[in-house]
Amino acid sequence: MSGELSSLCGGLPEELCEQLAREQQVIKIKLEKRRYGREVTIIEGLDEREVNLKKLASKLKSKLATGGTYKNGRIELQGDHRHRVKDILVDMGFPEENIIIVE
């Protein structure tokens, strides 16, 4: 993976390249209603090549004490966690201005 990143960033250090990749992503957090009135928080816009969705989904599920999954390049969490997810992503180093909560 690090070989792919360095070729994308033209020889920049890997840490700097990861930061640049995070700053270019526009992350959308929205709520979907499912059957029986259930709510699901959807997180999309994360680049699968730059972010390990499986690991990120696992961290979010444990911090929010909820179930969820990742599929089709997006993370799905059971329940309405839009604002808490934004706070957690900002704490993890994603720029706040690139995270949009769709109401």
C-alpha atoms as a PDB file:
ATOM      1  CA  MET A   1       0.000   0.000   0.000  1.00  0.00           C
ATOM      2  CA  SER A   2       2.746   2.475   0.841  1.00  0.00           C
ATOM      3  CA  GLY A   3       4.191   1.970  -2.638  1.00  0.00           C
ATOM      4  CA  GLU A   4       0.887   3.062  -4.156  1.00  0.00           C
ATOM      5  CA  LEU A   5       0.752   6.160  -1.958  1.00  0.00           C
ATOM      6  CA  SER A   6       4.275   7.310  -2.751  1.00  0.00           C
ATOM      7  CA  SER A   7       3.628   6.969  -6.479  1.00  0.00           C
ATOM      8  CA  LEU A   8       0.452   9.042  -6.096  1.00  0.00           C
ATOM      9  CA  CYS A   9       2.233  11.789  -4.139  1.00  0.00           C
ATOM     10  CA  GLY A  10       5.366  12.016  -6.269  1.00  0.00           C
ATOM     11  CA  GLY A  11       7.855  10.926  -3.628  1.00  0.00           C
ATOM     12  CA  LEU A  12       6.461  12.881  -0.674  1.00  0.00           C
ATOM     13  CA  PRO A  13       6.887  11.302   2.779  1.00  0.00           C
ATOM     14  CA  GLU A  14       4.122   8.827   3.549  1.00  0.00           C
ATOM     15  CA  GLU A  15       2.753  10.786   6.553  1.00  0.00           C
ATOM     16  CA  LEU A  16       2.439  13.954   4.465  1.00  0.00           C
ATOM     17  CA  CYS A  17       0.833  11.994   1.639  1.00  0.00           C
ATOM     18  CA  GLU A  18      -1.783  10.510   4.004  1.00  0.00           C
ATOM     19  CA  GLN A  19      -2.587  13.976   5.351  1.00  0.00           C
ATOM     20  CA  LEU A  20      -3.012  15.333   1.809  1.00  0.00           C
ATOM     21  CA  ALA A  21      -5.282  12.425   0.911  1.00  0.00           C
ATOM     22  CA  ARG A  22      -7.459  13.083   3.976  1.00  0.00           C
ATOM     23  CA  GLU A  23      -7.717  16.782   3.168  1.00  0.00           C
ATOM     24  CA  GLN A  24      -8.936  16.078  -0.369  1.00  0.00           C
ATOM     25  CA  GLN A  25     -11.773  13.787   0.700  1.00  0.00           C
ATOM     26  CA  VAL A  26     -15.270  15.204   1.160  1.00  0.00           C
ATOM     27  CA  ILE A  27     -17.032  13.004   3.694  1.00  0.00           C
ATOM     28  CA  LYS A  28     -20.830  12.968   3.761  1.00  0.00           C
ATOM     29  CA  ILE A  29     -22.704  11.754   6.828  1.00  0.00           C
ATOM     30  CA  LYS A  30     -26.417  11.185   6.353  1.00  0.00           C
ATOM     31  CA  LEU A  31     -29.352   9.350   7.877  1.00  0.00           C
ATOM     32  CA  GLU A  32     -31.434   6.749   6.049  1.00  0.00           C
ATOM     33  CA  LYS A  33     -34.709   5.309   7.225  1.00  0.00           C
ATOM     34  CA  ARG A  34     -35.094   1.573   6.847  1.00  0.00           C
ATOM     35  CA  ARG A  35     -38.041  -0.733   7.342  1.00  0.00           C
ATOM     36  CA  TYR A  36     -39.962  -0.571  10.580  1.00  0.00           C
ATOM     37  CA  GLY A  37     -38.734   3.015  11.144  1.00  0.00           C
ATOM     38  CA  ARG A  38     -35.147   2.011  11.846  1.00  0.00           C
ATOM     39  CA  GLU A  39     -32.488   4.666  11.313  1.00  0.00           C
ATOM     40  CA  VAL A  40     -29.051   4.022   9.812  1.00  0.00           C
ATOM     41  CA  THR A  41     -26.172   6.521   9.753  1.00  0.00           C
ATOM     42  CA  ILE A  42     -24.337   6.404   6.403  1.00  0.00           C
ATOM     43  CA  ILE A  43     -20.766   7.662   5.987  1.00  0.00           C
ATOM     44  CA  GLU A  44     -19.632   8.047   2.375  1.00  0.00           C
ATOM     45  CA  GLY A  45     -16.886   9.786   0.460  1.00  0.00           C
ATOM     46  CA  LEU A  46     -13.974   8.001   2.124  1.00  0.00           C
ATOM     47  CA  ASP A  47     -11.364   6.832  -0.371  1.00  0.00           C
ATOM     48  CA  GLU A  48     -10.898   3.098   0.111  1.00  0.00           C
ATOM     49  CA  ARG A  49      -7.321   3.323  -1.176  1.00  0.00           C
ATOM     50  CA  GLU A  50      -6.384   5.855   1.517  1.00  0.00           C
ATOM     51  CA  VAL A  51      -8.500   4.735   4.507  1.00  0.00           C
ATOM     52  CA  ASN A  52      -8.980   1.200   5.809  1.00  0.00           C
ATOM     53  CA  LEU A  53     -12.791   1.165   5.944  1.00  0.00           C
ATOM     54  CA  LYS A  54     -12.915  -2.085   7.892  1.00  0.00           C
ATOM     55  CA  LYS A  55     -10.686  -0.700  10.653  1.00  0.00           C
ATOM     56  CA  LEU A  56     -12.484   2.669  10.697  1.00  0.00           C
ATOM     57  CA  ALA A  57     -15.913   0.983  10.868  1.00  0.00           C
ATOM     58  CA  SER A  58     -14.697  -1.154  13.750  1.00  0.00           C
ATOM     59  CA  LYS A  59     -13.414   1.910  15.666  1.00  0.00           C
ATOM     60  CA  LEU A  60     -16.661   3.810  15.121  1.00  0.00           C
ATOM     61  CA  LYS A  61     -18.794   0.859  16.196  1.00  0.00           C
ATOM     62  CA  SER A  62     -16.850   0.408  19.418  1.00  0.00           C
ATOM     63  CA  LYS A  63     -16.778   4.147  20.273  1.00  0.00           C
ATOM     64  CA  LEU A  64     -20.519   4.481  19.591  1.00  0.00           C
ATOM     65  CA  ALA A  65     -21.462   1.102  21.123  1.00  0.00           C
ATOM     66  CA  THR A  66     -23.562   0.177  18.098  1.00  0.00           C
ATOM     67  CA  GLY A  67     -23.693  -2.334  15.295  1.00  0.00           C
ATOM     68  CA  GLY A  68     -22.811  -1.637  11.715  1.00  0.00           C
ATOM     69  CA  THR A  69     -20.955  -2.684   8.602  1.00  0.00           C
ATOM     70  CA  TYR A  70     -18.982  -1.374   5.675  1.00  0.00           C
ATOM     71  CA  LYS A  71     -19.887  -2.149   2.081  1.00  0.00           C
ATOM     72  CA  ASN A  72     -19.832  -0.537  -1.348  1.00  0.00           C
ATOM     73  CA  GLY A  73     -17.296   2.061  -0.196  1.00  0.00           C
ATOM     74  CA  ARG A  74     -19.423   3.341   2.672  1.00  0.00           C
ATOM     75  CA  ILE A  75     -19.888   2.676   6.375  1.00  0.00           C
ATOM     76  CA  GLU A  76     -23.344   1.983   7.820  1.00  0.00           C
ATOM     77  CA  LEU A  77     -24.023   2.334  11.551  1.00  0.00           C
ATOM     78  CA  GLN A  78     -27.250   1.412  13.294  1.00  0.00           C
ATOM     79  CA  GLY A  79     -29.014   4.433  14.783  1.00  0.00           C
ATOM     80  CA  ASP A  80     -28.675   8.206  14.377  1.00  0.00           C
ATOM     81  CA  HIS A  81     -25.044   9.077  15.184  1.00  0.00           C
ATOM     82  CA  ARG A  82     -24.427  11.861  12.648  1.00  0.00           C
ATOM     83  CA  HIS A  83     -23.023  14.512  14.990  1.00  0.00           C
ATOM     84  CA  ARG A  84     -21.026  12.105  17.161  1.00  0.00           C
ATOM     85  CA  VAL A  85     -19.469  10.515  14.045  1.00  0.00           C
ATOM     86  CA  LYS A  86     -18.333  13.948  12.853  1.00  0.00           C
ATOM     87  CA  ASP A  87     -16.690  14.665  16.218  1.00  0.00           C
ATOM     88  CA  ILE A  88     -14.917  11.288  16.196  1.00  0.00           C
ATOM     89  CA  LEU A  89     -13.652  11.751  12.618  1.00  0.00           C
ATOM     90  CA  VAL A  90     -12.314  15.228  13.470  1.00  0.00           C
ATOM     91  CA  ASP A  91     -10.519  13.744  16.512  1.00  0.00           C
ATOM     92  CA  MET A  92      -8.987  11.131  14.183  1.00  0.00           C
ATOM     93  CA  GLY A  93      -7.442  13.822  11.986  1.00  0.00           C
ATOM     94  CA  PHE A  94      -9.991  14.384   9.238  1.00  0.00           C
ATOM     95  CA  PRO A  95     -10.440  18.127   8.509  1.00  0.00           C
ATOM     96  CA  GLU A  96     -13.728  19.423   9.929  1.00  0.00           C
ATOM     97  CA  GLU A  97     -14.479  21.569   6.864  1.00  0.00           C
ATOM     98  CA  ASN A  98     -14.472  18.434   4.664  1.00  0.00           C
ATOM     99  CA  ILE A  99     -17.143  16.644   6.717  1.00  0.00           C
ATOM    100  CA  ILE A 100     -20.701  17.448   5.685  1.00  0.00           C
ATOM    101  CA  ILE A 101     -23.730  16.347   7.687  1.00  0.00           C
ATOM    102  CA  VAL A 102     -26.676  15.942   5.313  1.00  0.00           C
ATOM    103  CA  GLU A 103     -29.874  16.792   7.201  1.00  0.00           C
END
